[in-house]
Amino acid sequence: MKRKTYLTALAILSATAIGSAYAAKAMENDALAIEAAKIGLTQAITVAEQHVGGKAARAELEKHKGQWLFDIEVVNGQKVMDVKVDSASGKVIAATEDKADHGDDHDEAD
């Protein structure tokens, strides 16, 4: 009985360690991807802000369908726009209104 418990615990610990190592490697690769980008984060933000006429609230580099894109959230008045900028060319790939950010963050009881 103790052996079965020991083996179960060992299996769980191994799975946890492997999962953590894989997640750390994935994050490391995301951060290193900026080295391959032809434009920097600052330039991508400028392109996105000029494209939709607003101010950037958040930006990140992410892989989408095998392509590294800067995903930039730009606020323009009451609209929140999600702008995708190609990290290789610096061109805007897509600009769509981010409907998810239109919900009230305030409690209705306020």
PDB file of N, CA and C in Angstrom:
ATOM      1  N   MET A   1       0.818  -1.194   0.000  1.00  0.00           N
ATOM      2  CA  MET A   1       0.000   0.000   0.000  1.00  0.00           C
ATOM      3  C   MET A   1       0.865   1.263   0.000  1.00  0.00           C
ATOM      4  N   LYS A   2       1.911   1.265   0.828  1.00  0.00           N
ATOM      5  CA  LYS A   2       2.791   2.422   0.877  1.00  0.00           C
ATOM      6  C   LYS A   2       3.488   2.621  -0.465  1.00  0.00           C
ATOM      7  N   ARG A   3       3.800   1.509  -1.112  1.00  0.00           N
ATOM      8  CA  ARG A   3       4.485   1.596  -2.398  1.00  0.00           C
ATOM      9  C   ARG A   3       3.586   2.268  -3.435  1.00  0.00           C
ATOM     10  N   LYS A   4       2.312   1.930  -3.446  1.00  0.00           N
ATOM     11  CA  LYS A   4       1.361   2.511  -4.394  1.00  0.00           C
ATOM     12  C   LYS A   4       1.234   4.016  -4.143  1.00  0.00           C
ATOM     13  N   THR A   5       1.152   4.421  -2.882  1.00  0.00           N
ATOM     14  CA  THR A   5       1.062   5.830  -2.518  1.00  0.00           C
ATOM     15  C   THR A   5       2.332   6.563  -2.939  1.00  0.00           C
ATOM     16  N   TYR A   6       3.454   5.949  -2.707  1.00  0.00           N
ATOM     17  CA  TYR A   6       4.747   6.537  -3.079  1.00  0.00           C
ATOM     18  C   TYR A   6       4.821   6.736  -4.593  1.00  0.00           C
ATOM     19  N   LEU A   7       4.444   5.727  -5.358  1.00  0.00           N
ATOM     20  CA  LEU A   7       4.497   5.823  -6.817  1.00  0.00           C
ATOM     21  C   LEU A   7       3.529   6.879  -7.353  1.00  0.00           C
ATOM     22  N   THR A   8       2.355   6.969  -6.741  1.00  0.00           N
ATOM     23  CA  THR A   8       1.382   7.990  -7.148  1.00  0.00           C
ATOM     24  C   THR A   8       1.938   9.389  -6.890  1.00  0.00           C
ATOM     25  N   ALA A   9       2.513   9.597  -5.719  1.00  0.00           N
ATOM     26  CA  ALA A   9       3.096  10.890  -5.378  1.00  0.00           C
ATOM     27  C   ALA A   9       4.258  11.225  -6.315  1.00  0.00           C
ATOM     28  N   LEU A  10       5.064  10.239  -6.618  1.00  0.00           N
ATOM     29  CA  LEU A  10       6.193  10.439  -7.530  1.00  0.00           C
ATOM     30  C   LEU A  10       5.701  10.830  -8.923  1.00  0.00           C
ATOM     31  N   ALA A  11       4.656  10.185  -9.397  1.00  0.00           N
ATOM     32  CA  ALA A  11       4.092  10.494 -10.710  1.00  0.00           C
ATOM     33  C   ALA A  11       3.548  11.919 -10.751  1.00  0.00           C
ATOM     34  N   ILE A  12       2.866  12.338  -9.698  1.00  0.00           N
ATOM     35  CA  ILE A  12       2.313  13.695  -9.633  1.00  0.00           C
ATOM     36  C   ILE A  12       3.430  14.731  -9.610  1.00  0.00           C
ATOM     37  N   LEU A  13       4.459  14.490  -8.813  1.00  0.00           N
ATOM     38  CA  LEU A  13       5.591  15.415  -8.752  1.00  0.00           C
ATOM     39  C   LEU A  13       6.312  15.515 -10.090  1.00  0.00           C
ATOM     40  N   SER A  14       6.464  14.390 -10.763  1.00  0.00           N
ATOM     41  CA  SER A  14       7.125  14.387 -12.071  1.00  0.00           C
ATOM     42  C   SER A  14       6.319  15.182 -13.084  1.00  0.00           C
ATOM     43  N   ALA A  15       5.017  14.971 -13.104  1.00  0.00           N
ATOM     44  CA  ALA A  15       4.149  15.691 -14.039  1.00  0.00           C
ATOM     45  C   ALA A  15       4.189  17.192 -13.772  1.00  0.00           C
ATOM     46  N   THR A  16       4.192  17.570 -12.506  1.00  0.00           N
ATOM     47  CA  THR A  16       4.258  18.979 -12.137  1.00  0.00           C
ATOM     48  C   THR A  16       5.581  19.593 -12.574  1.00  0.00           C
ATOM     49  N   ALA A  17       6.674  18.901 -12.348  1.00  0.00           N
ATOM     50  CA  ALA A  17       7.992  19.411 -12.729  1.00  0.00           C
ATOM     51  C   ALA A  17       8.115  19.567 -14.239  1.00  0.00           C
ATOM     52  N   ILE A  18       7.626  18.591 -14.976  1.00  0.00           N
ATOM     53  CA  ILE A  18       7.688  18.658 -16.441  1.00  0.00           C
ATOM     54  C   ILE A  18       6.824  19.805 -16.947  1.00  0.00           C
ATOM     55  N   GLY A  19       5.633  19.967 -16.398  1.00  0.00           N
ATOM     56  CA  GLY A  19       4.743  21.058 -16.799  1.00  0.00           C
ATOM     57  C   GLY A  19       5.352  22.414 -16.523  1.00  0.00           C
ATOM     58  N   SER A  20       5.970  22.568 -15.365  1.00  0.00           N
ATOM     59  CA  SER A  20       6.606  23.837 -15.007  1.00  0.00           C
ATOM     60  C   SER A  20       7.777  24.145 -15.924  1.00  0.00           C
ATOM     61  N   ALA A  21       8.576  23.147 -16.229  1.00  0.00           N
ATOM     62  CA  ALA A  21       9.728  23.343 -17.119  1.00  0.00           C
ATOM     63  C   ALA A  21       9.251  23.734 -18.516  1.00  0.00           C
ATOM     64  N   TYR A  22       8.206  23.103 -19.004  1.00  0.00           N
ATOM     65  CA  TYR A  22       7.664  23.425 -20.327  1.00  0.00           C
ATOM     66  C   TYR A  22       7.124  24.849 -20.354  1.00  0.00           C
ATOM     67  N   ALA A  23       6.396  25.256 -19.310  1.00  0.00           N
ATOM     68  CA  ALA A  23       5.843  26.611 -19.244  1.00  0.00           C
ATOM     69  C   ALA A  23       6.955  27.649 -19.194  1.00  0.00           C
ATOM     70  N   ALA A  24       8.002  27.389 -18.426  1.00  0.00           N
ATOM     71  CA  ALA A  24       9.128  28.320 -18.336  1.00  0.00           C
ATOM     72  C   ALA A  24       9.824  28.451 -19.685  1.00  0.00           C
ATOM     73  N   LYS A  25       9.973  27.342 -20.399  1.00  0.00           N
ATOM     74  CA  LYS A  25      10.609  27.380 -21.714  1.00  0.00           C
ATOM     75  C   LYS A  25       9.761  28.176 -22.691  1.00  0.00           C
ATOM     76  N   ALA A  26       8.450  28.017 -22.644  1.00  0.00           N
ATOM     77  CA  ALA A  26       7.553  28.744 -23.542  1.00  0.00           C
ATOM     78  C   ALA A  26       7.638  30.243 -23.281  1.00  0.00           C
ATOM     79  N   MET A  27       7.666  30.657 -21.998  1.00  0.00           N
ATOM     80  CA  MET A  27       7.776  32.074 -21.673  1.00  0.00           C
ATOM     81  C   MET A  27       9.121  32.622 -22.121  1.00  0.00           C
ATOM     82  N   GLU A  28      10.160  31.853 -21.937  1.00  0.00           N
ATOM     83  CA  GLU A  28      11.498  32.275 -22.347  1.00  0.00           C
ATOM     84  C   GLU A  28      11.542  32.495 -23.855  1.00  0.00           C
ATOM     85  N   ASN A  29      10.948  31.601 -24.612  1.00  0.00           N
ATOM     86  CA  ASN A  29      10.935  31.724 -26.060  1.00  0.00           C
ATOM     87  C   ASN A  29      10.147  32.944 -26.509  1.00  0.00           C
ATOM     88  N   ASP A  30       9.034  33.251 -25.844  1.00  0.00           N
ATOM     89  CA  ASP A  30       8.254  34.435 -26.183  1.00  0.00           C
ATOM     90  C   ASP A  30       9.093  35.695 -25.998  1.00  0.00           C
ATOM     91  N   ALA A  31       9.810  35.774 -24.891  1.00  0.00           N
ATOM     92  CA  ALA A  31      10.625  36.943 -24.619  1.00  0.00           C
ATOM     93  C   ALA A  31      11.775  37.061 -25.613  1.00  0.00           C
ATOM     94  N   LEU A  32      12.364  35.944 -25.986  1.00  0.00           N
ATOM     95  CA  LEU A  32      13.476  35.969 -26.929  1.00  0.00           C
ATOM     96  C   LEU A  32      13.036  36.256 -28.356  1.00  0.00           C
ATOM     97  N   ALA A  33      11.767  36.095 -28.650  1.00  0.00           N
ATOM     98  CA  ALA A  33      11.259  36.333 -30.006  1.00  0.00           C
ATOM     99  C   ALA A  33      11.442  37.786 -30.422  1.00  0.00           C
ATOM    100  N   ILE A  34      11.554  38.685 -29.474  1.00  0.00           N
ATOM    101  CA  ILE A  34      11.739  40.099 -29.804  1.00  0.00           C
ATOM    102  C   ILE A  34      13.043  40.316 -30.570  1.00  0.00           C
ATOM    103  N   GLU A  35      14.014  39.440 -30.349  1.00  0.00           N
ATOM    104  CA  GLU A  35      15.285  39.550 -31.068  1.00  0.00           C
ATOM    105  C   GLU A  35      15.098  39.366 -32.571  1.00  0.00           C
ATOM    106  N   ALA A  36      14.124  38.565 -32.972  1.00  0.00           N
ATOM    107  CA  ALA A  36      13.882  38.307 -34.397  1.00  0.00           C
ATOM    108  C   ALA A  36      13.003  39.384 -35.032  1.00  0.00           C
ATOM    109  N   ALA A  37      12.360  40.213 -34.220  1.00  0.00           N
ATOM    110  CA  ALA A  37      11.475  41.253 -34.741  1.00  0.00           C
ATOM    111  C   ALA A  37      12.283  42.321 -35.462  1.00  0.00           C
ATOM    112  N   LYS A  38      11.752  42.795 -36.562  1.00  0.00           N
ATOM    113  CA  LYS A  38      12.429  43.851 -37.334  1.00  0.00           C
ATOM    114  C   LYS A  38      12.140  45.234 -36.756  1.00  0.00           C
ATOM    115  N   ILE A  39      11.018  45.350 -36.014  1.00  0.00           N
ATOM    116  CA  ILE A  39      10.684  46.614 -35.366  1.00  0.00           C
ATOM    117  C   ILE A  39      10.581  46.364 -33.866  1.00  0.00           C
ATOM    118  N   GLY A  40      10.736  47.419 -33.100  1.00  0.00           N
ATOM    119  CA  GLY A  40      10.645  47.298 -31.653  1.00  0.00           C
ATOM    120  C   GLY A  40       9.243  47.595 -31.152  1.00  0.00           C
ATOM    121  N   LEU A  41       9.038  47.379 -29.876  1.00  0.00           N
ATOM    122  CA  LEU A  41       7.746  47.606 -29.253  1.00  0.00           C
ATOM    123  C   LEU A  41       7.316  49.063 -29.376  1.00  0.00           C
ATOM    124  N   THR A  42       8.234  49.986 -29.175  1.00  0.00           N
ATOM    125  CA  THR A  42       7.916  51.407 -29.252  1.00  0.00           C
ATOM    126  C   THR A  42       7.404  51.784 -30.638  1.00  0.00           C
ATOM    127  N   GLN A  43       8.066  51.289 -31.668  1.00  0.00           N
ATOM    128  CA  GLN A  43       7.648  51.588 -33.041  1.00  0.00           C
ATOM    129  C   GLN A  43       6.284  50.963 -33.333  1.00  0.00           C
ATOM    130  N   ALA A  44       6.055  49.748 -32.860  1.00  0.00           N
ATOM    131  CA  ALA A  44       4.761  49.080 -33.074  1.00  0.00           C
ATOM    132  C   ALA A  44       3.641  49.861 -32.393  1.00  0.00           C
ATOM    133  N   ILE A  45       3.899  50.378 -31.198  1.00  0.00           N
ATOM    134  CA  ILE A  45       2.898  51.179 -30.493  1.00  0.00           C
ATOM    135  C   ILE A  45       2.589  52.454 -31.275  1.00  0.00           C
ATOM    136  N   THR A  46       3.607  53.116 -31.776  1.00  0.00           N
ATOM    137  CA  THR A  46       3.415  54.331 -32.567  1.00  0.00           C
ATOM    138  C   THR A  46       2.566  54.048 -33.801  1.00  0.00           C
ATOM    139  N   VAL A  47       2.867  52.958 -34.506  1.00  0.00           N
ATOM    140  CA  VAL A  47       2.098  52.576 -35.695  1.00  0.00           C
ATOM    141  C   VAL A  47       0.640  52.344 -35.332  1.00  0.00           C
ATOM    142  N   ALA A  48       0.391  51.615 -34.251  1.00  0.00           N
ATOM    143  CA  ALA A  48      -0.981  51.310 -33.827  1.00  0.00           C
ATOM    144  C   ALA A  48      -1.729  52.579 -33.418  1.00  0.00           C
ATOM    145  N   GLU A  49      -1.087  53.451 -32.655  1.00  0.00           N
ATOM    146  CA  GLU A  49      -1.733  54.689 -32.222  1.00  0.00           C
ATOM    147  C   GLU A  49      -2.096  55.572 -33.405  1.00  0.00           C
ATOM    148  N   GLN A  50      -1.199  55.673 -34.373  1.00  0.00           N
ATOM    149  CA  GLN A  50      -1.475  56.485 -35.556  1.00  0.00           C
ATOM    150  C   GLN A  50      -2.562  55.867 -36.425  1.00  0.00           C
ATOM    151  N   HIS A  51      -2.612  54.552 -36.463  1.00  0.00           N
ATOM    152  CA  HIS A  51      -3.593  53.864 -37.309  1.00  0.00           C
ATOM    153  C   HIS A  51      -5.026  54.105 -36.844  1.00  0.00           C
ATOM    154  N   VAL A  52      -5.256  54.092 -35.537  1.00  0.00           N
ATOM    155  CA  VAL A  52      -6.624  54.261 -35.026  1.00  0.00           C
ATOM    156  C   VAL A  52      -6.847  55.596 -34.321  1.00  0.00           C
ATOM    157  N   GLY A  53      -5.795  56.405 -34.212  1.00  0.00           N
ATOM    158  CA  GLY A  53      -5.944  57.725 -33.615  1.00  0.00           C
ATOM    159  C   GLY A  53      -6.245  57.701 -32.131  1.00  0.00           C
ATOM    160  N   GLY A  54      -5.486  56.946 -31.374  1.00  0.00           N
ATOM    161  CA  GLY A  54      -5.713  56.862 -29.933  1.00  0.00           C
ATOM    162  C   GLY A  54      -4.420  56.694 -29.172  1.00  0.00           C
ATOM    163  N   LYS A  55      -4.551  56.268 -27.925  1.00  0.00           N
ATOM    164  CA  LYS A  55      -3.388  56.048 -27.061  1.00  0.00           C
ATOM    165  C   LYS A  55      -3.344  54.590 -26.622  1.00  0.00           C
ATOM    166  N   ALA A  56      -2.156  54.018 -26.666  1.00  0.00           N
ATOM    167  CA  ALA A  56      -1.973  52.613 -26.284  1.00  0.00           C
ATOM    168  C   ALA A  56      -2.153  52.438 -24.782  1.00  0.00           C
ATOM    169  N   ALA A  57      -2.882  51.383 -24.426  1.00  0.00           N
ATOM    170  CA  ALA A  57      -3.093  51.059 -23.022  1.00  0.00           C
ATOM    171  C   ALA A  57      -2.299  49.826 -22.615  1.00  0.00           C
ATOM    172  N   ARG A  58      -2.047  48.944 -23.583  1.00  0.00           N
ATOM    173  CA  ARG A  58      -1.291  47.720 -23.299  1.00  0.00           C
ATOM    174  C   ARG A  58      -0.744  47.197 -24.621  1.00  0.00           C
ATOM    175  N   ALA A  59       0.374  46.474 -24.530  1.00  0.00           N
ATOM    176  CA  ALA A  59       0.978  45.891 -25.727  1.00  0.00           C
ATOM    177  C   ALA A  59       1.751  44.637 -25.343  1.00  0.00           C
ATOM    178  N   GLU A  60       1.735  43.671 -26.258  1.00  0.00           N
ATOM    179  CA  GLU A  60       2.500  42.444 -26.035  1.00  0.00           C
ATOM    180  C   GLU A  60       2.863  41.826 -27.379  1.00  0.00           C
ATOM    181  N   LEU A  61       3.895  41.014 -27.342  1.00  0.00           N
ATOM    182  CA  LEU A  61       4.319  40.269 -28.521  1.00  0.00           C
ATOM    183  C   LEU A  61       3.778  38.862 -28.372  1.00  0.00           C
ATOM    184  N   GLU A  62       3.045  38.402 -29.379  1.00  0.00           N
ATOM    185  CA  GLU A  62       2.476  37.061 -29.296  1.00  0.00           C
ATOM    186  C   GLU A  62       2.532  36.372 -30.650  1.00  0.00           C
ATOM    187  N   LYS A  63       2.548  35.050 -30.593  1.00  0.00           N
ATOM    188  CA  LYS A  63       2.591  34.248 -31.809  1.00  0.00           C
ATOM    189  C   LYS A  63       1.162  33.916 -32.219  1.00  0.00           C
ATOM    190  N   HIS A  64       0.821  34.239 -33.462  1.00  0.00           N
ATOM    191  CA  HIS A  64      -0.520  33.989 -33.982  1.00  0.00           C
ATOM    192  C   HIS A  64      -0.393  33.323 -35.342  1.00  0.00           C
ATOM    193  N   LYS A  65      -0.836  32.088 -35.420  1.00  0.00           N
ATOM    194  CA  LYS A  65      -0.764  31.301 -36.655  1.00  0.00           C
ATOM    195  C   LYS A  65       0.663  31.263 -37.210  1.00  0.00           C
ATOM    196  N   GLY A  66       1.623  31.065 -36.316  1.00  0.00           N
ATOM    197  CA  GLY A  66       3.021  30.929 -36.713  1.00  0.00           C
ATOM    198  C   GLY A  66       3.737  32.235 -36.993  1.00  0.00           C
ATOM    199  N   GLN A  67       3.062  33.359 -36.785  1.00  0.00           N
ATOM    200  CA  GLN A  67       3.631  34.670 -37.092  1.00  0.00           C
ATOM    201  C   GLN A  67       3.678  35.504 -35.804  1.00  0.00           C
ATOM    202  N   TRP A  68       4.809  36.158 -35.553  1.00  0.00           N
ATOM    203  CA  TRP A  68       4.939  37.007 -34.371  1.00  0.00           C
ATOM    204  C   TRP A  68       4.326  38.365 -34.656  1.00  0.00           C
ATOM    205  N   LEU A  69       3.349  38.732 -33.819  1.00  0.00           N
ATOM    206  CA  LEU A  69       2.645  40.006 -33.969  1.00  0.00           C
ATOM    207  C   LEU A  69       2.677  40.769 -32.648  1.00  0.00           C
ATOM    208  N   PHE A  70       2.695  42.088 -32.761  1.00  0.00           N
ATOM    209  CA  PHE A  70       2.482  42.921 -31.592  1.00  0.00           C
ATOM    210  C   PHE A  70       0.979  43.100 -31.485  1.00  0.00           C
ATOM    211  N   ASP A  71       0.424  42.774 -30.327  1.00  0.00           N
ATOM    212  CA  ASP A  71      -1.004  42.945 -30.069  1.00  0.00           C
ATOM    213  C   ASP A  71      -1.125  44.157 -29.158  1.00  0.00           C
ATOM    214  N   ILE A  72      -1.691  45.235 -29.689  1.00  0.00           N
ATOM    215  CA  ILE A  72      -1.714  46.502 -28.974  1.00  0.00           C
ATOM    216  C   ILE A  72      -3.155  46.952 -28.775  1.00  0.00           C
ATOM    217  N   GLU A  73      -3.491  47.254 -27.544  1.00  0.00           N
ATOM    218  CA  GLU A  73      -4.819  47.751 -27.201  1.00  0.00           C
ATOM    219  C   GLU A  73      -4.738  49.273 -27.167  1.00  0.00           C
ATOM    220  N   VAL A  74      -5.537  49.913 -28.029  1.00  0.00           N
ATOM    221  CA  VAL A  74      -5.502  51.362 -28.158  1.00  0.00           C
ATOM    222  C   VAL A  74      -6.875  51.930 -27.794  1.00  0.00           C
ATOM    223  N   VAL A  75      -6.875  52.965 -26.952  1.00  0.00           N
ATOM    224  CA  VAL A  75      -8.117  53.615 -26.539  1.00  0.00           C
ATOM    225  C   VAL A  75      -8.298  54.873 -27.369  1.00  0.00           C
ATOM    226  N   ASN A  76      -9.506  54.982 -27.965  1.00  0.00           N
ATOM    227  CA  ASN A  76      -9.866  56.136 -28.790  1.00  0.00           C
ATOM    228  C   ASN A  76     -11.250  56.582 -28.341  1.00  0.00           C
ATOM    229  N   GLY A  77     -11.298  57.597 -27.481  1.00  0.00           N
ATOM    230  CA  GLY A  77     -12.577  58.053 -26.939  1.00  0.00           C
ATOM    231  C   GLY A  77     -13.182  56.957 -26.078  1.00  0.00           C
ATOM    232  N   GLN A  78     -14.367  56.522 -26.444  1.00  0.00           N
ATOM    233  CA  GLN A  78     -15.049  55.451 -25.715  1.00  0.00           C
ATOM    234  C   GLN A  78     -14.814  54.087 -26.338  1.00  0.00           C
ATOM    235  N   LYS A  79     -14.008  54.021 -27.396  1.00  0.00           N
ATOM    236  CA  LYS A  79     -13.723  52.753 -28.065  1.00  0.00           C
ATOM    237  C   LYS A  79     -12.373  52.202 -27.633  1.00  0.00           C
ATOM    238  N   VAL A  80     -12.312  50.888 -27.514  1.00  0.00           N
ATOM    239  CA  VAL A  80     -11.055  50.192 -27.267  1.00  0.00           C
ATOM    240  C   VAL A  80     -10.796  49.355 -28.514  1.00  0.00           C
ATOM    241  N   MET A  81      -9.673  49.619 -29.156  1.00  0.00           N
ATOM    242  CA  MET A  81      -9.327  48.931 -30.398  1.00  0.00           C
ATOM    243  C   MET A  81      -8.198  47.944 -30.144  1.00  0.00           C
ATOM    244  N   ASP A  82      -8.307  46.786 -30.760  1.00  0.00           N
ATOM    245  CA  ASP A  82      -7.272  45.763 -30.691  1.00  0.00           C
ATOM    246  C   ASP A  82      -6.536  45.804 -32.036  1.00  0.00           C
ATOM    247  N   VAL A  83      -5.291  46.263 -32.019  1.00  0.00           N
ATOM    248  CA  VAL A  83      -4.518  46.450 -33.246  1.00  0.00           C
ATOM    249  C   VAL A  83      -3.387  45.433 -33.280  1.00  0.00           C
ATOM    250  N   LYS A  84      -3.279  44.711 -34.379  1.00  0.00           N
ATOM    251  CA  LYS A  84      -2.214  43.730 -34.560  1.00  0.00           C
ATOM    252  C   LYS A  84      -1.222  44.287 -35.581  1.00  0.00           C
ATOM    253  N   VAL A  85       0.047  44.367 -35.167  1.00  0.00           N
ATOM    254  CA  VAL A  85       1.113  44.896 -36.012  1.00  0.00           C
ATOM    255  C   VAL A  85       2.132  43.791 -36.269  1.00  0.00           C
ATOM    256  N   ASP A  86       2.443  43.558 -37.532  1.00  0.00           N
ATOM    257  CA  ASP A  86       3.419  42.543 -37.933  1.00  0.00           C
ATOM    258  C   ASP A  86       4.800  42.945 -37.413  1.00  0.00           C
ATOM    259  N   SER A  87       5.445  42.055 -36.669  1.00  0.00           N
ATOM    260  CA  SER A  87       6.752  42.376 -36.078  1.00  0.00           C
ATOM    261  C   SER A  87       7.865  42.385 -37.121  1.00  0.00           C
ATOM    262  N   ALA A  88       7.611  41.820 -38.287  1.00  0.00           N
ATOM    263  CA  ALA A  88       8.626  41.795 -39.346  1.00  0.00           C
ATOM    264  C   ALA A  88       8.528  43.015 -40.253  1.00  0.00           C
ATOM    265  N   SER A  89       7.303  43.401 -40.626  1.00  0.00           N
ATOM    266  CA  SER A  89       7.131  44.496 -41.584  1.00  0.00           C
ATOM    267  C   SER A  89       6.744  45.819 -40.933  1.00  0.00           C
ATOM    268  N   GLY A  90       6.177  45.770 -39.742  1.00  0.00           N
ATOM    269  CA  GLY A  90       5.717  46.988 -39.097  1.00  0.00           C
ATOM    270  C   GLY A  90       4.372  47.459 -39.616  1.00  0.00           C
ATOM    271  N   LYS A  91       3.706  46.636 -40.404  1.00  0.00           N
ATOM    272  CA  LYS A  91       2.404  47.008 -40.967  1.00  0.00           C
ATOM    273  C   LYS A  91       1.270  46.489 -40.096  1.00  0.00           C
ATOM    274  N   VAL A  92       0.177  47.239 -40.096  1.00  0.00           N
ATOM    275  CA  VAL A  92      -1.011  46.821 -39.354  1.00  0.00           C
ATOM    276  C   VAL A  92      -1.664  45.666 -40.105  1.00  0.00           C
ATOM    277  N   ILE A  93      -1.853  44.561 -39.417  1.00  0.00           N
ATOM    278  CA  ILE A  93      -2.484  43.369 -39.984  1.00  0.00           C
ATOM    279  C   ILE A  93      -3.994  43.432 -39.783  1.00  0.00           C
ATOM    280  N   ALA A  94      -4.414  43.908 -38.611  1.00  0.00           N
ATOM    281  CA  ALA A  94      -5.838  43.994 -38.291  1.00  0.00           C
ATOM    282  C   ALA A  94      -6.055  45.051 -37.223  1.00  0.00           C
ATOM    283  N   ALA A  95      -7.221  45.669 -37.266  1.00  0.00           N
ATOM    284  CA  ALA A  95      -7.630  46.619 -36.236  1.00  0.00           C
ATOM    285  C   ALA A  95      -9.129  46.427 -36.033  1.00  0.00           C
ATOM    286  N   THR A  96      -9.502  45.913 -34.877  1.00  0.00           N
ATOM    287  CA  THR A  96     -10.909  45.640 -34.597  1.00  0.00           C
ATOM    288  C   THR A  96     -11.279  46.216 -33.238  1.00  0.00           C
ATOM    289  N   GLU A  97     -12.555  46.547 -33.121  1.00  0.00           N
ATOM    290  CA  GLU A  97     -13.029  47.050 -31.835  1.00  0.00           C
ATOM    291  C   GLU A  97     -13.077  45.893 -30.849  1.00  0.00           C
ATOM    292  N   ASP A  98     -12.532  46.123 -29.670  1.00  0.00           N
ATOM    293  CA  ASP A  98     -12.478  45.094 -28.633  1.00  0.00           C
ATOM    294  C   ASP A  98     -13.741  45.190 -27.795  1.00  0.00           C
ATOM    295  N   LYS A  99     -14.748  44.429 -28.166  1.00  0.00           N
ATOM    296  CA  LYS A  99     -16.053  44.467 -27.491  1.00  0.00           C
ATOM    297  C   LYS A  99     -15.965  43.981 -26.053  1.00  0.00           C
ATOM    298  N   ALA A 100     -15.035  43.101 -25.763  1.00  0.00           N
ATOM    299  CA  ALA A 100     -14.912  42.524 -24.413  1.00  0.00           C
ATOM    300  C   ALA A 100     -14.583  43.593 -23.379  1.00  0.00           C
ATOM    301  N   ASP A 101     -13.917  44.670 -23.755  1.00  0.00           N
ATOM    302  CA  ASP A 101     -13.526  45.710 -22.811  1.00  0.00           C
ATOM    303  C   ASP A 101     -14.594  46.786 -22.642  1.00  0.00           C
ATOM    304  N   HIS A 102     -15.765  46.583 -23.246  1.00  0.00           N
ATOM    305  CA  HIS A 102     -16.824  47.570 -23.117  1.00  0.00           C
ATOM    306  C   HIS A 102     -17.714  47.321 -21.918  1.00  0.00           C
ATOM    307  N   GLY A 103     -17.565  46.168 -21.274  1.00  0.00           N
ATOM    308  CA  GLY A 103     -18.392  45.868 -20.106  1.00  0.00           C
ATOM    309  C   GLY A 103     -18.020  46.747 -18.944  1.00  0.00           C
ATOM    310  N   ASP A 104     -19.019  47.048 -18.082  1.00  0.00           N
ATOM    311  CA  ASP A 104     -18.746  47.851 -16.896  1.00  0.00           C
ATOM    312  C   ASP A 104     -17.923  47.057 -15.906  1.00  0.00           C
ATOM    313  N   ASP A 105     -16.907  47.695 -15.366  1.00  0.00           N
ATOM    314  CA  ASP A 105     -16.106  47.076 -14.323  1.00  0.00           C
ATOM    315  C   ASP A 105     -16.651  47.454 -12.949  1.00  0.00           C
ATOM    316  N   HIS A 106     -17.720  48.258 -12.940  1.00  0.00           N
ATOM    317  CA  HIS A 106     -18.276  48.725 -11.684  1.00  0.00           C
ATOM    318  C   HIS A 106     -19.388  47.794 -11.228  1.00  0.00           C
ATOM    319  N   ASP A 107     -19.509  47.663  -9.926  1.00  0.00           N
ATOM    320  CA  ASP A 107     -20.604  46.866  -9.372  1.00  0.00           C
ATOM    321  C   ASP A 107     -21.904  47.614  -9.583  1.00  0.00           C
ATOM    322  N   GLU A 108     -22.967  46.886  -9.856  1.00  0.00           N
ATOM    323  CA  GLU A 108     -24.251  47.525 -10.075  1.00  0.00           C
ATOM    324  C   GLU A 108     -24.809  48.097  -8.781  1.00  0.00           C
ATOM    325  N   ALA A 109     -24.318  47.657  -7.642  1.00  0.00           N
ATOM    326  CA  ALA A 109     -24.787  48.149  -6.355  1.00  0.00           C
ATOM    327  C   ALA A 109     -24.252  49.545  -6.043  1.00  0.00           C
ATOM    328  N   ASP A 110     -23.224  49.994  -6.786  1.00  0.00           N
ATOM    329  CA  ASP A 110     -22.618  51.314  -6.526  1.00  0.00           C
ATOM    330  C   ASP A 110     -23.558  52.439  -6.848  1.00  0.00           C
TER     331      ASP A 110
END
